[in-house]
């Protein structure tokens, strides 16, 4: 997912509660800006939320006044009753040789903007074996539909959709070959085998004798004590799978399992699956706006806000990037 891009402002609306503010629409995002500062048709730099900004003159107003050395994380904020999700900057913040790049160009490198990633406590992760095995499967990094309207359009072309709740834990990948665990990974790293870390503890708890294919790749959210505040109030680490890649034979093609099949496999293994919201409902019933409304209504069993939703065609077709086709939408009311 691109973190900062050159975009064109398509629409500007009055702020309903503030005379000196306006609402700018870029891609699918809404950003609150100073009134009169931008024009429709203007080319700007747009930075998405959940990014870490460098210390620079253009980011100075976002620095923590009490702790100036604290990293600047760009989050969703609410200004006079309206959500602001992102940052709009003039092209002048870019080096001169970059300012003429085409619309949609990724300028995060030029601005030294990085993706925000939650730290994994050392006692949970254990020792590192190596880098993530991208030759065997893709890292889990779902695109936000508000940043990729073409992806939304492509997904909604399918006849029906499956919508699942997005849980906020720690990304976990378990690769199983011939009923044996091959690798266990966090989002970016492969981990050494040990029951002293939660990732391998969960992997060892799976009932592998129930599997019948050459290779499976299970990817999900690891939830439980010590992970993101233990949002589900679990007593032990628990894996909630959101995608299963099944390879029948050594030279066979991989296929992602639709939700119902994924849930059956997870049940036989003794692990969880992400909560289902909608299954096989006509895509014609949904727009991006309606899907965002669904994301904003998501809550956990204890009544607190859930992170959002993931939307896929119900057959979970591959997208060509090593992941099933689909996108995420983050609950505007979620605070982590």
Protein backbone atom coordinates (compact mmCIF):
# COMPACT_ATOMS: atom_id res chain seq x y z
CA UNK A 1 0.00 0.00 0.00
CA UNK A 2 1.30 3.45 -0.95
CA UNK A 3 1.82 5.73 2.05
CA UNK A 4 2.14 9.11 0.31
CA UNK A 5 1.09 9.90 -3.24
CA UNK A 6 0.55 12.78 -5.61
CA UNK A 7 -3.21 13.25 -5.98
CA UNK A 8 -5.70 15.77 -7.34
CA UNK A 9 -8.36 17.26 -5.08
CA UNK A 10 -11.72 16.22 -6.53
CA UNK A 11 -14.16 17.84 -4.10
CA UNK A 12 -14.24 20.38 -1.27
CA UNK A 13 -17.19 20.74 1.11
CA UNK A 14 -17.99 23.23 3.88
CA UNK A 15 -17.35 21.99 7.40
CA UNK A 16 -20.80 21.83 9.03
CA UNK A 17 -19.53 22.95 12.42
CA UNK A 18 -16.62 25.32 11.71
CA UNK A 19 -16.50 28.44 9.52
CA UNK A 20 -12.71 28.36 9.22
CA UNK A 21 -12.42 24.69 8.18
CA UNK A 22 -13.33 22.67 5.07
CA UNK A 23 -13.62 19.00 4.14
CA UNK A 24 -11.40 17.82 1.29
CA UNK A 25 -12.17 14.56 -0.56
CA UNK A 26 -9.12 12.71 -1.92
CA UNK A 27 -9.61 9.20 -3.32
CA UNK A 28 -12.05 7.77 -0.75
CA UNK A 29 -10.66 9.73 2.20
CA UNK A 30 -11.99 12.81 3.97
CA UNK A 31 -9.51 15.31 5.44
CA UNK A 32 -10.27 18.44 7.46
CA UNK A 33 -8.22 21.41 6.22
CA UNK A 34 -7.99 25.15 6.75
CA UNK A 35 -10.64 26.98 4.72
CA UNK A 36 -9.36 28.53 1.49
CA UNK A 37 -6.01 26.72 1.62
CA UNK A 38 -6.78 24.32 -1.25
CA UNK A 39 -8.73 24.35 -4.52
CA UNK A 40 -10.61 21.72 -6.51
CA UNK A 41 -8.28 20.44 -9.24
CA UNK A 42 -5.13 21.25 -7.23
CA UNK A 43 -2.34 18.66 -7.26
CA UNK A 44 -1.19 17.87 -3.74
CA UNK A 45 0.66 15.30 -1.68
CA UNK A 46 -1.69 13.04 0.26
CA UNK A 47 -0.43 10.98 3.22
CA UNK A 48 -2.57 8.15 4.60
CA UNK A 49 -3.16 7.38 8.27
CA UNK A 50 -1.08 4.88 10.24
CA UNK A 51 2.18 6.29 8.96
CA UNK A 52 5.27 7.58 10.75
CA UNK A 53 6.32 11.04 9.58
CA UNK A 54 9.88 12.39 9.69
CA UNK A 55 10.81 15.45 11.69
CA UNK A 56 10.55 18.11 8.99
CA UNK A 57 9.29 21.70 8.69
CA UNK A 58 6.01 20.45 7.13
CA UNK A 59 5.37 18.01 10.01
CA UNK A 60 6.45 20.32 12.84
CA UNK A 61 2.85 21.19 13.80
CA UNK A 62 2.18 17.52 14.55
CA UNK A 63 5.09 17.00 16.97
CA UNK A 64 4.25 16.23 20.56
CA UNK A 65 4.85 19.45 22.49
CA UNK A 66 5.51 17.57 25.76
CA UNK A 67 7.76 14.97 24.11
CA UNK A 68 9.27 16.47 20.92
CA UNK A 69 11.38 13.36 20.21
CA UNK A 70 8.34 11.08 20.16
CA UNK A 71 7.78 9.60 16.67
CA UNK A 72 5.02 11.36 14.75
CA UNK A 73 2.27 8.88 13.99
CA UNK A 74 -0.50 10.09 11.70
CA UNK A 75 -3.88 8.92 13.04
CA UNK A 76 -7.56 9.49 12.45
CA UNK A 77 -8.67 12.54 14.44
CA UNK A 78 -12.01 14.24 14.94
CA UNK A 79 -12.08 18.01 14.42
CA UNK A 80 -15.26 19.83 15.39
CA UNK A 81 -17.32 16.68 14.90
CA UNK A 82 -15.86 15.57 11.56
CA UNK A 83 -13.31 12.79 11.03
CA UNK A 84 -10.04 13.78 9.42
CA UNK A 85 -8.16 10.81 7.98
CA UNK A 86 -4.85 11.72 6.42
CA UNK A 87 -2.72 14.76 5.66
CA UNK A 88 -2.85 17.09 2.64
CA UNK A 89 0.40 18.87 1.77
CA UNK A 90 1.46 21.22 -1.04
CA UNK A 91 3.71 19.81 -3.77
CA UNK A 92 6.41 22.22 -2.56
CA UNK A 93 7.31 19.79 0.26
CA UNK A 94 8.76 17.50 -2.42
CA UNK A 95 12.17 17.83 -4.06
CA UNK A 96 11.84 19.82 -7.32
CA UNK A 97 12.63 16.80 -9.51
CA UNK A 98 9.72 14.88 -7.91
CA UNK A 99 7.04 17.57 -8.07
CA UNK A 100 6.25 16.79 -11.72
CA UNK A 101 5.61 13.09 -11.20
CA UNK A 102 2.28 11.68 -12.39
CA UNK A 103 -0.90 11.42 -10.34
CA UNK A 104 -0.81 8.39 -8.06
CA UNK A 105 3.00 8.34 -7.90
CA UNK A 106 4.40 7.01 -4.63
CA UNK A 107 6.44 9.76 -2.94
CA UNK A 108 6.75 8.19 0.51
CA UNK A 109 10.44 7.50 -0.10
CA UNK A 110 11.13 11.09 -1.13
CA UNK A 111 9.49 12.31 2.10
CA UNK A 112 10.95 9.54 4.30
CA UNK A 113 7.49 8.43 5.40
CA UNK A 114 7.26 4.93 6.86
CA UNK A 115 4.42 2.56 7.65
CA UNK A 116 3.42 2.38 11.31
CA UNK A 117 3.72 -1.14 12.68
CA UNK A 118 2.94 -2.28 16.18
CA UNK A 119 5.85 -3.65 18.13
CA UNK A 120 5.69 -7.30 19.19
CA UNK A 121 6.79 -7.84 22.82
CA UNK A 122 10.02 -9.85 22.91
CA UNK A 123 8.53 -12.40 25.28
CA UNK A 124 5.85 -13.20 22.70
CA UNK A 125 8.01 -13.43 19.60
CA UNK A 126 11.11 -15.29 20.75
CA UNK A 127 14.21 -15.65 18.54
CA UNK A 128 14.36 -14.80 14.86
CA UNK A 129 15.19 -17.53 12.32
CA UNK A 130 15.31 -15.29 9.25
CA UNK A 131 13.31 -13.05 6.98
CA UNK A 132 9.73 -13.79 5.98
CA UNK A 133 9.63 -16.60 3.34
CA UNK A 134 8.11 -14.59 0.48
CA UNK A 135 9.00 -17.42 -1.94
CA UNK A 136 6.37 -19.55 -0.18
CA UNK A 137 3.64 -16.99 0.54
CA UNK A 138 2.94 -13.28 0.62
CA UNK A 139 3.17 -11.09 3.68
CA UNK A 140 -0.18 -10.01 5.08
CA UNK A 141 -0.70 -6.36 4.19
CA UNK A 142 -4.23 -5.68 2.99
CA UNK A 143 -4.86 -2.53 0.91
CA UNK A 144 -7.28 0.01 2.32
CA UNK A 145 -10.17 0.45 -0.12
CA UNK A 146 -10.22 4.22 0.45
CA UNK A 147 -6.74 4.44 -1.08
CA UNK A 148 -7.36 2.05 -3.97
CA UNK A 149 -10.67 2.79 -5.66
CA UNK A 150 -9.75 0.59 -8.64
CA UNK A 151 -9.36 -2.38 -6.29
CA UNK A 152 -12.78 -1.65 -4.78
CA UNK A 153 -14.30 -1.51 -8.25
CA UNK A 154 -12.64 -4.78 -9.26
CA UNK A 155 -13.87 -6.52 -6.09
CA UNK A 156 -17.43 -5.27 -6.49
CA UNK A 157 -17.56 -6.63 -10.07
CA UNK A 158 -17.94 -10.13 -8.64
CA UNK A 159 -21.46 -11.46 -8.16
CA UNK A 160 -21.33 -11.82 -4.40
CA UNK A 161 -19.23 -10.78 -1.44
CA UNK A 162 -18.03 -12.13 1.88
CA UNK A 163 -17.36 -9.58 4.63
CA UNK A 164 -15.43 -10.51 7.76
CA UNK A 165 -14.53 -8.54 10.85
CA UNK A 166 -10.95 -7.29 11.05
CA UNK A 167 -9.34 -8.16 14.38
CA UNK A 168 -6.38 -6.22 15.72
CA UNK A 169 -3.83 -8.64 17.06
CA UNK A 170 -0.42 -9.71 15.80
CA UNK A 171 -0.07 -11.09 12.27
CA UNK A 172 0.79 -14.80 12.28
CA UNK A 173 1.66 -17.10 9.36
CA UNK A 174 1.95 -20.87 9.77
CA UNK A 175 3.23 -22.97 6.85
CA UNK A 176 2.51 -26.70 7.01
CA UNK A 177 3.98 -29.26 4.57
CA UNK A 178 3.06 -32.97 4.64
CA UNK A 179 1.36 -32.53 8.02
CA UNK A 180 4.47 -31.01 9.56
CA UNK A 181 5.08 -27.40 10.54
CA UNK A 182 7.58 -25.90 8.14
CA UNK A 183 7.74 -22.28 9.30
CA UNK A 184 6.02 -19.98 11.78
CA UNK A 185 6.24 -16.25 11.12
CA UNK A 186 5.31 -12.85 12.47
CA UNK A 187 4.43 -10.15 9.93
CA UNK A 188 8.02 -9.65 8.76
CA UNK A 189 10.10 -12.49 10.23
CA UNK A 190 10.41 -16.26 10.40
CA UNK A 191 10.79 -17.44 14.01
CA UNK A 192 12.86 -20.18 15.61
CA UNK A 193 10.87 -23.13 16.94
CA UNK A 194 10.14 -22.76 20.64
CA UNK A 195 7.14 -23.18 22.93
CA UNK A 196 8.38 -20.10 24.77
CA UNK A 197 6.87 -17.77 22.17
CA UNK A 198 3.17 -17.47 21.46
CA UNK A 199 3.43 -17.97 17.70
CA UNK A 200 4.97 -21.44 17.96
CA UNK A 201 2.83 -22.30 20.99
CA UNK A 202 -0.29 -21.80 18.88
CA UNK A 203 1.19 -23.70 15.93
CA UNK A 204 2.02 -26.72 18.11
CA UNK A 205 -1.56 -26.80 19.39
CA UNK A 206 -3.01 -27.47 15.92
CA UNK A 207 -4.34 -30.97 15.09
CA UNK A 208 -2.22 -31.46 11.98
CA UNK A 209 -3.37 -35.05 11.38
CA UNK A 210 -6.62 -33.62 10.03
CA UNK A 211 -4.91 -32.07 6.98
CA UNK A 212 -4.93 -33.84 3.63
CA UNK A 213 -3.02 -31.65 1.15
CA UNK A 214 0.66 -31.23 0.38
CA UNK A 215 0.92 -27.68 1.74
CA UNK A 216 -1.25 -25.27 3.70
CA UNK A 217 -0.51 -21.65 4.54
CA UNK A 218 -2.59 -20.36 7.44
CA UNK A 219 -2.56 -16.61 8.02
CA UNK A 220 -4.43 -14.89 10.81
CA UNK A 221 -4.40 -12.65 13.84
CA UNK A 222 -2.79 -13.92 17.03
CA UNK A 223 -4.89 -12.65 19.94
CA UNK A 224 -4.55 -13.08 23.69
CA UNK A 225 -2.66 -11.98 26.81
CA UNK A 226 0.02 -9.38 26.14
CA UNK A 227 -1.19 -8.70 22.58
CA UNK A 228 -2.84 -5.35 21.84
CA UNK A 229 -4.40 -5.17 25.28
CA UNK A 230 -5.99 -8.63 24.93
CA UNK A 231 -9.09 -7.13 23.31
CA UNK A 232 -11.05 -10.42 23.41
CA UNK A 233 -10.09 -11.05 27.06
CA UNK A 234 -8.66 -14.48 26.28
CA UNK A 235 -6.83 -16.63 28.83
CA UNK A 236 -4.28 -17.99 26.34
CA UNK A 237 -2.90 -17.11 22.88
CA UNK A 238 -5.45 -17.92 20.18
CA UNK A 239 -5.18 -17.81 16.39
CA UNK A 240 -8.07 -16.38 14.35
CA UNK A 241 -7.45 -17.34 10.73
CA UNK A 242 -8.50 -15.00 7.91
CA UNK A 243 -7.07 -16.84 4.91
CA UNK A 244 -5.99 -20.37 4.06
CA UNK A 245 -3.93 -21.14 0.97
CA UNK A 246 -4.21 -24.82 0.05
CA UNK A 247 -1.86 -26.61 -2.36
CA UNK A 248 -3.03 -30.12 -3.26
CA UNK A 249 0.18 -31.53 -4.73
CA UNK A 250 3.88 -30.69 -4.96
CA UNK A 251 3.46 -29.08 -8.40
CA UNK A 252 -0.19 -28.15 -7.97
CA UNK A 253 -1.62 -24.66 -8.09
CA UNK A 254 -2.46 -22.87 -4.88
CA UNK A 255 -6.07 -21.94 -4.10
CA UNK A 256 -7.49 -19.80 -1.32
CA UNK A 257 -10.34 -21.40 0.60
CA UNK A 258 -13.73 -19.63 0.67
CA UNK A 259 -14.92 -18.69 4.14
CA UNK A 260 -17.12 -21.77 4.77
CA UNK A 261 -14.32 -24.18 3.84
CA UNK A 262 -11.78 -22.16 5.81
CA UNK A 263 -14.05 -22.31 8.88
CA UNK A 264 -14.43 -26.11 8.55
CA UNK A 265 -10.66 -26.60 8.31
CA UNK A 266 -10.02 -24.33 11.29
CA UNK A 267 -12.65 -26.17 13.33
CA UNK A 268 -10.95 -29.52 12.63
CA UNK A 269 -7.57 -28.04 13.60
CA UNK A 270 -8.89 -26.54 16.81
CA UNK A 271 -8.16 -22.90 15.99
CA UNK A 272 -10.39 -19.88 15.50
CA UNK A 273 -11.54 -18.03 12.40
CA UNK A 274 -12.29 -14.34 12.01
CA UNK A 275 -15.96 -13.45 12.66
CA UNK A 276 -18.27 -13.54 9.65
CA UNK A 277 -20.47 -10.50 8.98
CA UNK A 278 -21.86 -11.18 5.50
CA UNK A 279 -21.51 -14.27 3.31
CA UNK A 280 -22.42 -14.59 -0.35
CA UNK A 281 -24.54 -11.47 -0.54
CA UNK A 282 -24.98 -9.75 -3.95
CA UNK A 283 -22.28 -7.15 -4.54
CA UNK A 284 -24.90 -4.88 -6.12
CA UNK A 285 -26.22 -4.22 -2.60
CA UNK A 286 -22.99 -2.49 -1.59
CA UNK A 287 -21.17 0.73 -2.36
CA UNK A 288 -17.92 1.93 -0.81
CA UNK A 289 -19.92 4.31 1.38
CA UNK A 290 -22.21 1.53 2.64
CA UNK A 291 -19.25 -0.74 3.32
CA UNK A 292 -17.58 2.04 5.33
CA UNK A 293 -20.78 2.37 7.36
CA UNK A 294 -20.59 -1.37 8.12
CA UNK A 295 -16.95 -0.96 9.18
CA UNK A 296 -17.87 1.93 11.48
CA UNK A 297 -20.48 -0.22 13.27
CA UNK A 298 -18.14 -3.05 14.18
CA UNK A 299 -17.71 -3.91 17.86
CA UNK A 300 -16.19 -6.70 19.94
CA UNK A 301 -18.16 -8.96 22.32
CA UNK A 302 -17.31 -6.66 25.25
CA UNK A 303 -18.86 -3.70 23.42
CA UNK A 304 -15.64 -1.89 22.49
CA UNK A 305 -14.96 -0.81 18.91
CA UNK A 306 -13.52 -3.37 16.50
CA UNK A 307 -10.85 -2.39 13.97
CA UNK A 308 -12.96 -2.71 10.84
CA UNK A 309 -13.82 -5.14 8.04
CA UNK A 310 -12.27 -7.07 5.15
CA UNK A 311 -14.28 -7.38 1.93
CA UNK A 312 -13.68 -10.18 -0.61
CA UNK A 313 -15.46 -11.87 -3.50
CA UNK A 314 -17.04 -14.95 -1.91
CA UNK A 315 -14.88 -17.38 -3.89
CA UNK A 316 -11.67 -15.80 -2.51
CA UNK A 317 -10.01 -15.54 -5.97
CA UNK A 318 -6.28 -14.81 -6.05
CA UNK A 319 -5.32 -11.21 -6.79
CA UNK A 320 -1.95 -11.83 -8.41
CA UNK A 321 -0.02 -10.45 -5.43
CA UNK A 322 0.01 -13.70 -3.48
CA UNK A 323 -3.12 -12.74 -1.56
CA UNK A 324 -6.84 -13.20 -2.21
CA UNK A 325 -8.58 -10.31 -3.93
CA UNK A 326 -10.16 -7.82 -1.55
CA UNK A 327 -9.59 -4.80 0.64
CA UNK A 328 -9.94 -3.56 4.20
CA UNK A 329 -11.85 -0.63 5.63
CA UNK A 330 -10.94 0.71 9.07
CA UNK A 331 -13.58 1.70 11.60
CA UNK A 332 -13.37 5.51 11.94
CA UNK A 333 -14.21 5.20 15.64
CA UNK A 334 -11.50 2.66 16.45
CA UNK A 335 -8.65 3.78 18.69
CA UNK A 336 -5.61 1.58 19.32
